[in-house]
């Protein structure tokens, strides 16, 4: 990408945001910020207990991510955030108007399998249904691209870079 955008890697739990985000950042030559690190302890505890977050839980988290993205405006960066609803993406864009979204998409069975294999993550597979129920895919008027998560992390990253470059054309 010629312009150093801030890319928000979004998608339901288990799509690989934490894997693809750093790979994408390295490929683009910009820093990466893990969206989960912006959650207050109460959010982590709630999700660890198998309870989905509600919007009041998400607003401070989204604001913190948006502030990080705002601070990277013109410099570029990659940050992960589920950003499942349009209103959440709008909130992020309110802080960082130039942000673009990379929506990692995939087959539910593949995502569930990957979630079951990961170790030490607070998000249980039991919450996957609520994630898919909440998901509102990117709309035509939103700056962003969708990339399928089948294949290796390197292949997914290559597809993401190519798709993001096409945004610039």
N, C-alpha and C. Protein backbone atom coordinates (compact mmCIF):
# COMPACT_ATOMS: atom_id res chain seq x y z
N UNK A 1 0.84 -1.18 0.00
CA UNK A 1 0.00 0.00 0.00
C UNK A 1 0.89 1.24 0.00
N UNK A 2 0.57 2.19 -0.82
CA UNK A 2 1.41 3.37 -0.92
C UNK A 2 1.18 4.35 0.22
N UNK A 3 -0.06 4.48 0.67
CA UNK A 3 -0.38 5.36 1.77
C UNK A 3 -0.38 4.55 3.06
N UNK A 4 0.24 5.05 4.11
CA UNK A 4 0.26 4.27 5.35
C UNK A 4 -1.07 4.34 6.10
N UNK A 5 -1.98 3.45 5.72
CA UNK A 5 -3.28 3.37 6.38
C UNK A 5 -3.16 2.68 7.73
N UNK A 6 -4.16 2.89 8.55
CA UNK A 6 -4.35 2.04 9.72
C UNK A 6 -5.37 0.99 9.30
N UNK A 7 -4.98 -0.27 9.43
CA UNK A 7 -5.83 -1.38 9.04
C UNK A 7 -6.37 -2.04 10.30
N UNK A 8 -7.69 -2.16 10.38
CA UNK A 8 -8.33 -2.86 11.48
C UNK A 8 -8.67 -4.26 10.97
N UNK A 9 -8.02 -5.27 11.56
CA UNK A 9 -8.28 -6.66 11.19
C UNK A 9 -9.47 -7.12 12.01
N UNK A 10 -10.57 -7.43 11.33
CA UNK A 10 -11.83 -7.72 12.01
C UNK A 10 -12.34 -9.11 11.66
N UNK A 11 -13.28 -9.58 12.46
CA UNK A 11 -13.93 -10.85 12.19
C UNK A 11 -14.31 -11.53 13.49
N UNK A 12 -15.06 -12.61 13.36
CA UNK A 12 -15.47 -13.35 14.55
C UNK A 12 -14.25 -13.99 15.20
N UNK A 13 -14.41 -14.39 16.44
CA UNK A 13 -13.34 -15.09 17.16
C UNK A 13 -12.92 -16.31 16.36
N UNK A 14 -11.63 -16.58 16.33
CA UNK A 14 -11.11 -17.76 15.68
C UNK A 14 -10.77 -17.60 14.22
N UNK A 15 -10.97 -16.41 13.65
CA UNK A 15 -10.64 -16.22 12.23
C UNK A 15 -9.16 -15.96 12.02
N UNK A 16 -8.42 -15.71 13.09
CA UNK A 16 -6.98 -15.52 12.95
C UNK A 16 -6.51 -14.09 13.03
N UNK A 17 -7.30 -13.22 13.66
CA UNK A 17 -6.90 -11.81 13.75
C UNK A 17 -5.53 -11.66 14.41
N UNK A 18 -5.29 -12.43 15.47
CA UNK A 18 -4.04 -12.32 16.23
C UNK A 18 -2.87 -12.95 15.48
N UNK A 19 -3.15 -13.85 14.57
CA UNK A 19 -2.10 -14.46 13.74
C UNK A 19 -1.82 -13.60 12.52
N UNK A 20 -2.87 -13.20 11.82
CA UNK A 20 -2.72 -12.47 10.57
C UNK A 20 -2.29 -11.02 10.82
N UNK A 21 -2.79 -10.40 11.89
CA UNK A 21 -2.45 -9.00 12.17
C UNK A 21 -0.95 -8.73 12.19
N UNK A 22 -0.17 -9.47 12.99
CA UNK A 22 1.27 -9.23 13.02
C UNK A 22 1.96 -9.53 11.68
N UNK A 23 1.49 -10.58 10.99
CA UNK A 23 2.07 -10.90 9.68
C UNK A 23 1.81 -9.77 8.68
N UNK A 24 0.58 -9.26 8.71
CA UNK A 24 0.22 -8.14 7.82
C UNK A 24 1.05 -6.90 8.17
N UNK A 25 1.16 -6.61 9.45
CA UNK A 25 1.94 -5.44 9.88
C UNK A 25 3.39 -5.56 9.41
N UNK A 26 3.96 -6.74 9.55
CA UNK A 26 5.35 -6.96 9.11
C UNK A 26 5.47 -6.75 7.60
N UNK A 27 4.50 -7.27 6.87
CA UNK A 27 4.51 -7.13 5.41
C UNK A 27 4.39 -5.67 4.99
N UNK A 28 3.61 -4.90 5.73
CA UNK A 28 3.40 -3.48 5.41
C UNK A 28 4.45 -2.57 6.04
N UNK A 29 5.24 -3.13 6.96
CA UNK A 29 6.29 -2.32 7.61
C UNK A 29 5.75 -1.32 8.62
N UNK A 30 4.68 -1.71 9.33
CA UNK A 30 4.05 -0.83 10.32
C UNK A 30 3.88 -1.60 11.63
N UNK A 31 3.64 -0.91 12.75
CA UNK A 31 3.44 -1.61 14.02
C UNK A 31 2.08 -2.31 14.11
N UNK A 32 2.03 -3.31 14.98
CA UNK A 32 0.81 -4.05 15.24
C UNK A 32 0.41 -3.85 16.69
N UNK A 33 -0.91 -3.71 16.91
CA UNK A 33 -1.46 -3.65 18.27
C UNK A 33 -2.54 -4.72 18.39
N UNK A 34 -2.44 -5.52 19.44
CA UNK A 34 -3.41 -6.59 19.70
C UNK A 34 -4.65 -5.99 20.36
N UNK A 35 -5.78 -6.09 19.68
CA UNK A 35 -7.02 -5.52 20.18
C UNK A 35 -7.43 -6.06 21.54
N UNK A 36 -7.14 -7.34 21.81
CA UNK A 36 -7.52 -7.91 23.11
C UNK A 36 -6.82 -7.19 24.26
N UNK A 37 -5.66 -6.61 23.99
CA UNK A 37 -4.91 -5.90 25.04
C UNK A 37 -5.60 -4.62 25.50
N UNK A 38 -6.56 -4.14 24.72
CA UNK A 38 -7.29 -2.92 25.06
C UNK A 38 -8.51 -3.20 25.94
N UNK A 39 -8.85 -4.48 26.12
CA UNK A 39 -10.00 -4.83 26.97
C UNK A 39 -9.69 -4.56 28.43
N UNK A 40 -10.63 -3.96 29.16
CA UNK A 40 -10.48 -3.88 30.62
C UNK A 40 -10.60 -5.29 31.21
N UNK A 41 -10.06 -5.48 32.39
CA UNK A 41 -10.07 -6.78 33.06
C UNK A 41 -11.48 -7.34 33.20
N UNK A 42 -12.46 -6.48 33.45
CA UNK A 42 -13.84 -6.94 33.61
C UNK A 42 -14.36 -7.62 32.35
N UNK A 43 -13.98 -7.10 31.18
CA UNK A 43 -14.40 -7.72 29.91
C UNK A 43 -13.79 -9.11 29.76
N UNK A 44 -12.51 -9.23 30.07
CA UNK A 44 -11.82 -10.53 29.97
C UNK A 44 -12.50 -11.54 30.89
N UNK A 45 -12.79 -11.11 32.12
CA UNK A 45 -13.43 -12.01 33.09
C UNK A 45 -14.81 -12.45 32.59
N UNK A 46 -15.55 -11.52 32.02
CA UNK A 46 -16.89 -11.83 31.54
C UNK A 46 -16.82 -12.86 30.40
N UNK A 47 -15.95 -12.63 29.43
CA UNK A 47 -15.83 -13.56 28.30
C UNK A 47 -15.27 -14.90 28.76
N UNK A 48 -14.32 -14.89 29.67
CA UNK A 48 -13.74 -16.14 30.19
C UNK A 48 -14.80 -17.00 30.86
N UNK A 49 -15.81 -16.35 31.42
CA UNK A 49 -16.91 -17.06 32.07
C UNK A 49 -17.97 -17.52 31.07
N UNK A 50 -17.74 -17.22 29.78
CA UNK A 50 -18.68 -17.64 28.75
C UNK A 50 -19.83 -16.70 28.53
N UNK A 51 -19.72 -15.48 29.05
CA UNK A 51 -20.77 -14.48 28.90
C UNK A 51 -20.39 -13.48 27.81
N UNK A 52 -21.23 -13.35 26.77
CA UNK A 52 -20.91 -12.37 25.72
C UNK A 52 -20.91 -10.95 26.27
N UNK A 53 -20.09 -10.11 25.70
CA UNK A 53 -20.08 -8.69 26.06
C UNK A 53 -21.33 -8.03 25.50
N UNK A 54 -21.79 -6.98 26.18
CA UNK A 54 -22.85 -6.16 25.60
C UNK A 54 -22.21 -4.84 25.15
N UNK A 55 -23.01 -4.02 24.52
CA UNK A 55 -22.45 -2.79 23.95
C UNK A 55 -21.81 -1.89 25.01
N UNK A 56 -22.40 -1.82 26.20
CA UNK A 56 -21.81 -0.97 27.24
C UNK A 56 -20.41 -1.46 27.63
N UNK A 57 -20.17 -2.76 27.50
CA UNK A 57 -18.83 -3.30 27.74
C UNK A 57 -17.87 -2.91 26.62
N UNK A 58 -18.40 -2.84 25.42
CA UNK A 58 -17.55 -2.65 24.24
C UNK A 58 -17.13 -1.19 24.02
N UNK A 59 -17.96 -0.23 24.40
CA UNK A 59 -17.65 1.17 24.06
C UNK A 59 -16.27 1.61 24.55
N UNK A 60 -15.89 1.41 25.81
CA UNK A 60 -14.56 1.86 26.23
C UNK A 60 -13.43 1.12 25.49
N UNK A 61 -13.66 -0.15 25.20
CA UNK A 61 -12.68 -0.95 24.46
C UNK A 61 -12.51 -0.39 23.05
N UNK A 62 -13.63 -0.14 22.36
CA UNK A 62 -13.56 0.41 21.01
C UNK A 62 -12.93 1.80 21.00
N UNK A 63 -13.25 2.61 22.00
CA UNK A 63 -12.67 3.95 22.08
C UNK A 63 -11.15 3.87 22.25
N UNK A 64 -10.68 2.93 23.05
CA UNK A 64 -9.23 2.78 23.26
C UNK A 64 -8.53 2.34 21.97
N UNK A 65 -9.14 1.43 21.24
CA UNK A 65 -8.58 1.00 19.95
C UNK A 65 -8.59 2.17 18.98
N UNK A 66 -9.71 2.90 18.94
CA UNK A 66 -9.82 4.05 18.05
C UNK A 66 -8.78 5.11 18.36
N UNK A 67 -8.50 5.33 19.64
CA UNK A 67 -7.47 6.31 20.01
C UNK A 67 -6.09 5.87 19.55
N UNK A 68 -5.81 4.56 19.66
CA UNK A 68 -4.53 4.05 19.16
C UNK A 68 -4.45 4.28 17.65
N UNK A 69 -5.52 3.93 16.94
CA UNK A 69 -5.56 4.10 15.49
C UNK A 69 -5.41 5.57 15.10
N UNK A 70 -6.07 6.46 15.85
CA UNK A 70 -5.95 7.90 15.59
C UNK A 70 -4.49 8.35 15.72
N UNK A 71 -3.81 7.83 16.73
CA UNK A 71 -2.41 8.18 16.94
C UNK A 71 -1.49 7.68 15.84
N UNK A 72 -1.94 6.72 15.06
CA UNK A 72 -1.15 6.15 13.95
C UNK A 72 -1.54 6.76 12.61
N UNK A 73 -2.51 7.68 12.59
CA UNK A 73 -2.96 8.29 11.34
C UNK A 73 -1.78 8.90 10.60
N UNK A 74 -1.67 8.59 9.32
CA UNK A 74 -0.58 9.08 8.50
C UNK A 74 0.71 8.30 8.66
N UNK A 75 0.79 7.48 9.68
CA UNK A 75 1.98 6.68 9.95
C UNK A 75 1.76 5.21 9.60
N UNK A 76 0.50 4.79 9.68
CA UNK A 76 0.15 3.40 9.40
C UNK A 76 0.22 2.54 10.63
N UNK A 77 -0.51 1.47 10.59
CA UNK A 77 -0.52 0.51 11.68
C UNK A 77 -1.57 -0.55 11.41
N UNK A 78 -1.49 -1.62 12.17
CA UNK A 78 -2.47 -2.69 12.08
C UNK A 78 -2.93 -2.98 13.50
N UNK A 79 -4.23 -3.07 13.69
CA UNK A 79 -4.80 -3.39 15.00
C UNK A 79 -5.93 -4.38 14.81
N UNK A 80 -6.07 -5.30 15.74
CA UNK A 80 -7.16 -6.26 15.64
C UNK A 80 -8.34 -5.81 16.50
N UNK A 81 -9.53 -6.08 16.01
CA UNK A 81 -10.77 -5.81 16.74
C UNK A 81 -11.86 -6.60 16.05
N UNK A 82 -12.68 -7.29 16.80
CA UNK A 82 -13.74 -8.06 16.15
C UNK A 82 -14.61 -7.15 15.27
N UNK A 83 -14.91 -5.94 15.74
CA UNK A 83 -15.67 -4.94 14.96
C UNK A 83 -16.85 -5.58 14.22
N UNK A 84 -17.60 -6.40 14.93
CA UNK A 84 -18.63 -7.22 14.29
C UNK A 84 -19.82 -6.42 13.77
N UNK A 85 -20.17 -5.33 14.43
CA UNK A 85 -21.32 -4.53 14.01
C UNK A 85 -20.87 -3.26 13.31
N UNK A 86 -21.73 -2.80 12.41
CA UNK A 86 -21.45 -1.54 11.71
C UNK A 86 -21.27 -0.40 12.72
N UNK A 87 -22.08 -0.36 13.76
CA UNK A 87 -22.00 0.71 14.75
C UNK A 87 -20.62 0.70 15.44
N UNK A 88 -20.03 -0.49 15.62
CA UNK A 88 -18.70 -0.57 16.23
C UNK A 88 -17.65 0.00 15.27
N UNK A 89 -17.79 -0.34 14.00
CA UNK A 89 -16.84 0.20 13.00
C UNK A 89 -17.01 1.71 12.86
N UNK A 90 -18.26 2.17 12.93
CA UNK A 90 -18.50 3.62 12.90
C UNK A 90 -17.83 4.30 14.08
N UNK A 91 -17.89 3.66 15.23
CA UNK A 91 -17.25 4.23 16.43
C UNK A 91 -15.74 4.30 16.25
N UNK A 92 -15.15 3.25 15.67
CA UNK A 92 -13.71 3.28 15.40
C UNK A 92 -13.37 4.37 14.39
N UNK A 93 -14.19 4.49 13.34
CA UNK A 93 -13.95 5.54 12.32
C UNK A 93 -14.13 6.94 12.88
N UNK A 94 -14.97 7.09 13.90
CA UNK A 94 -15.14 8.41 14.52
C UNK A 94 -13.82 8.87 15.13
N UNK A 95 -13.06 7.94 15.70
CA UNK A 95 -11.74 8.26 16.27
C UNK A 95 -10.66 8.31 15.19
N UNK A 96 -10.76 7.42 14.20
CA UNK A 96 -9.73 7.28 13.17
C UNK A 96 -10.40 7.21 11.79
N UNK A 97 -10.78 8.37 11.24
CA UNK A 97 -11.57 8.40 10.01
C UNK A 97 -10.92 7.70 8.81
N UNK A 98 -9.61 7.62 8.77
CA UNK A 98 -8.94 7.00 7.62
C UNK A 98 -8.74 5.51 7.74
N UNK A 99 -9.22 4.90 8.81
CA UNK A 99 -9.02 3.47 9.01
C UNK A 99 -9.72 2.66 7.91
N UNK A 100 -9.07 1.57 7.52
CA UNK A 100 -9.67 0.63 6.58
C UNK A 100 -9.79 -0.72 7.30
N UNK A 101 -10.74 -1.52 6.88
CA UNK A 101 -11.03 -2.78 7.56
C UNK A 101 -10.66 -3.97 6.69
N UNK A 102 -10.03 -4.94 7.31
CA UNK A 102 -9.74 -6.22 6.69
C UNK A 102 -10.61 -7.25 7.41
N UNK A 103 -11.68 -7.68 6.75
CA UNK A 103 -12.61 -8.64 7.35
C UNK A 103 -12.15 -10.05 7.01
N UNK A 104 -11.71 -10.78 8.04
CA UNK A 104 -11.33 -12.18 7.86
C UNK A 104 -12.60 -13.02 7.94
N UNK A 105 -12.89 -13.75 6.87
CA UNK A 105 -14.11 -14.53 6.78
C UNK A 105 -13.77 -16.00 6.58
N UNK A 106 -14.72 -16.85 6.94
CA UNK A 106 -14.48 -18.27 6.71
C UNK A 106 -15.63 -19.14 7.11
N UNK A 107 -15.52 -20.38 6.75
CA UNK A 107 -16.50 -21.40 7.06
C UNK A 107 -16.56 -21.61 8.57
N UNK A 108 -17.77 -21.68 9.11
CA UNK A 108 -17.94 -21.80 10.56
C UNK A 108 -17.24 -23.03 11.12
N UNK A 109 -17.30 -24.15 10.42
CA UNK A 109 -16.67 -25.39 10.90
C UNK A 109 -15.16 -25.22 11.01
N UNK A 110 -14.54 -24.58 10.02
CA UNK A 110 -13.09 -24.34 10.06
C UNK A 110 -12.74 -23.44 11.24
N UNK A 111 -13.51 -22.39 11.42
CA UNK A 111 -13.24 -21.44 12.51
C UNK A 111 -13.39 -22.13 13.87
N UNK A 112 -14.44 -22.93 14.03
CA UNK A 112 -14.64 -23.64 15.29
C UNK A 112 -13.48 -24.60 15.56
N UNK A 113 -13.03 -25.28 14.52
CA UNK A 113 -11.90 -26.21 14.66
C UNK A 113 -10.64 -25.47 15.11
N UNK A 114 -10.38 -24.33 14.51
CA UNK A 114 -9.21 -23.54 14.90
C UNK A 114 -9.33 -23.02 16.33
N UNK A 115 -10.53 -22.61 16.71
CA UNK A 115 -10.73 -22.13 18.09
C UNK A 115 -10.47 -23.26 19.09
N UNK A 116 -10.92 -24.46 18.75
CA UNK A 116 -10.75 -25.60 19.66
C UNK A 116 -9.27 -25.96 19.83
N UNK A 117 -8.45 -25.68 18.82
CA UNK A 117 -7.03 -26.02 18.85
C UNK A 117 -6.18 -25.00 19.60
N UNK A 118 -6.66 -23.76 19.75
CA UNK A 118 -5.80 -22.75 20.35
C UNK A 118 -5.73 -22.90 21.86
N UNK A 119 -4.60 -22.56 22.40
CA UNK A 119 -4.32 -22.74 23.83
C UNK A 119 -4.23 -21.38 24.52
N UNK A 120 -4.77 -21.31 25.73
CA UNK A 120 -4.58 -20.13 26.57
C UNK A 120 -5.36 -18.90 26.17
N UNK A 121 -6.39 -19.03 25.33
CA UNK A 121 -7.19 -17.87 24.95
C UNK A 121 -8.47 -17.85 25.77
N UNK A 122 -8.90 -16.65 26.14
CA UNK A 122 -10.06 -16.51 27.04
C UNK A 122 -11.40 -16.76 26.36
N UNK A 123 -11.46 -16.73 25.04
CA UNK A 123 -12.74 -16.83 24.33
C UNK A 123 -13.09 -18.29 24.08
N UNK A 124 -14.13 -18.80 24.75
CA UNK A 124 -14.52 -20.20 24.54
C UNK A 124 -15.29 -20.38 23.24
N UNK A 125 -15.23 -21.59 22.66
CA UNK A 125 -15.96 -21.87 21.42
C UNK A 125 -17.46 -21.71 21.62
N UNK A 126 -17.93 -21.80 22.85
CA UNK A 126 -19.36 -21.64 23.14
C UNK A 126 -19.89 -20.27 22.71
N UNK A 127 -19.02 -19.29 22.62
CA UNK A 127 -19.46 -17.94 22.24
C UNK A 127 -19.45 -17.72 20.72
N UNK A 128 -19.02 -18.72 19.95
CA UNK A 128 -18.93 -18.55 18.50
C UNK A 128 -20.30 -18.26 17.88
N UNK A 129 -21.35 -18.95 18.35
CA UNK A 129 -22.68 -18.70 17.80
C UNK A 129 -23.10 -17.25 18.01
N UNK A 130 -22.81 -16.68 19.19
CA UNK A 130 -23.19 -15.29 19.44
C UNK A 130 -22.37 -14.35 18.55
N UNK A 131 -21.13 -14.72 18.26
CA UNK A 131 -20.31 -13.91 17.37
C UNK A 131 -20.91 -13.87 15.96
N UNK A 132 -21.26 -15.04 15.43
CA UNK A 132 -21.87 -15.08 14.09
C UNK A 132 -23.23 -14.39 14.07
N UNK A 133 -24.00 -14.50 15.14
CA UNK A 133 -25.30 -13.84 15.21
C UNK A 133 -25.15 -12.32 15.21
N UNK A 134 -24.08 -11.82 15.79
CA UNK A 134 -23.83 -10.38 15.89
C UNK A 134 -23.22 -9.81 14.61
N UNK A 135 -22.48 -10.62 13.87
CA UNK A 135 -21.71 -10.14 12.72
C UNK A 135 -22.57 -9.45 11.67
N UNK A 136 -22.15 -8.23 11.33
CA UNK A 136 -22.70 -7.49 10.20
C UNK A 136 -21.53 -7.26 9.25
N UNK A 137 -21.47 -7.99 8.13
CA UNK A 137 -20.33 -7.85 7.22
C UNK A 137 -20.16 -6.41 6.73
N UNK A 138 -18.96 -6.12 6.24
CA UNK A 138 -18.69 -4.80 5.67
C UNK A 138 -19.72 -4.47 4.61
N UNK A 139 -20.13 -3.22 4.59
CA UNK A 139 -21.08 -2.75 3.59
C UNK A 139 -20.32 -2.01 2.49
N UNK A 140 -20.98 -1.83 1.36
CA UNK A 140 -20.33 -1.23 0.19
C UNK A 140 -19.74 0.15 0.46
N UNK A 141 -20.34 0.90 1.38
CA UNK A 141 -19.85 2.25 1.65
C UNK A 141 -18.76 2.29 2.72
N UNK A 142 -18.28 1.13 3.17
CA UNK A 142 -17.21 1.07 4.16
C UNK A 142 -15.89 0.75 3.49
N UNK A 143 -14.86 1.50 3.85
CA UNK A 143 -13.52 1.25 3.30
C UNK A 143 -12.99 -0.04 3.88
N UNK A 144 -12.84 -1.03 3.02
CA UNK A 144 -12.32 -2.29 3.51
C UNK A 144 -12.47 -3.40 2.50
N UNK A 145 -11.92 -4.55 2.88
CA UNK A 145 -11.94 -5.74 2.02
C UNK A 145 -12.22 -6.96 2.89
N UNK A 146 -12.72 -8.01 2.26
CA UNK A 146 -12.93 -9.29 2.94
C UNK A 146 -11.98 -10.32 2.33
N UNK A 147 -11.40 -11.14 3.20
CA UNK A 147 -10.45 -12.16 2.77
C UNK A 147 -10.80 -13.47 3.47
N UNK A 148 -10.83 -14.54 2.70
CA UNK A 148 -11.13 -15.87 3.24
C UNK A 148 -9.94 -16.37 4.04
N UNK A 149 -10.23 -17.09 5.15
CA UNK A 149 -9.17 -17.55 6.04
C UNK A 149 -8.76 -19.00 5.81
N UNK A 150 -9.16 -19.58 4.69
CA UNK A 150 -8.67 -20.93 4.41
C UNK A 150 -7.21 -20.84 3.96
N UNK A 151 -6.46 -21.89 4.26
CA UNK A 151 -5.05 -21.92 3.87
C UNK A 151 -4.14 -21.51 5.00
N UNK A 152 -2.87 -21.38 4.68
CA UNK A 152 -1.86 -21.04 5.68
C UNK A 152 -1.92 -19.56 6.04
N UNK A 153 -1.41 -19.20 7.21
CA UNK A 153 -1.37 -17.77 7.56
C UNK A 153 -0.63 -16.94 6.50
N UNK A 154 0.41 -17.49 5.92
CA UNK A 154 1.17 -16.75 4.90
C UNK A 154 0.31 -16.50 3.66
N UNK A 155 -0.45 -17.50 3.23
CA UNK A 155 -1.33 -17.33 2.06
C UNK A 155 -2.44 -16.32 2.35
N UNK A 156 -3.00 -16.40 3.54
CA UNK A 156 -4.05 -15.44 3.93
C UNK A 156 -3.49 -14.03 3.92
N UNK A 157 -2.27 -13.87 4.46
CA UNK A 157 -1.64 -12.55 4.49
C UNK A 157 -1.37 -12.05 3.07
N UNK A 158 -0.92 -12.92 2.19
CA UNK A 158 -0.69 -12.51 0.80
C UNK A 158 -1.99 -12.04 0.15
N UNK A 159 -3.08 -12.78 0.39
CA UNK A 159 -4.38 -12.37 -0.16
C UNK A 159 -4.81 -11.02 0.43
N UNK A 160 -4.55 -10.83 1.72
CA UNK A 160 -4.93 -9.57 2.37
C UNK A 160 -4.16 -8.39 1.79
N UNK A 161 -2.86 -8.55 1.62
CA UNK A 161 -2.04 -7.46 1.05
C UNK A 161 -2.53 -7.12 -0.35
N UNK A 162 -2.77 -8.15 -1.17
CA UNK A 162 -3.25 -7.91 -2.53
C UNK A 162 -4.60 -7.19 -2.52
N UNK A 163 -5.51 -7.61 -1.66
CA UNK A 163 -6.83 -6.98 -1.58
C UNK A 163 -6.73 -5.54 -1.11
N UNK A 164 -5.89 -5.29 -0.12
CA UNK A 164 -5.71 -3.92 0.38
C UNK A 164 -5.08 -3.03 -0.69
N UNK A 165 -4.16 -3.56 -1.46
CA UNK A 165 -3.56 -2.77 -2.55
C UNK A 165 -4.60 -2.39 -3.60
N UNK A 166 -5.55 -3.29 -3.85
CA UNK A 166 -6.60 -2.99 -4.82
C UNK A 166 -7.50 -1.85 -4.35
N UNK A 167 -7.58 -1.64 -3.03
CA UNK A 167 -8.36 -0.50 -2.51
C UNK A 167 -7.79 0.82 -2.99
N UNK A 168 -6.49 0.83 -3.24
CA UNK A 168 -5.80 2.08 -3.59
C UNK A 168 -5.96 2.46 -5.06
N UNK A 169 -6.38 1.51 -5.88
CA UNK A 169 -6.44 1.74 -7.32
C UNK A 169 -7.57 2.68 -7.66
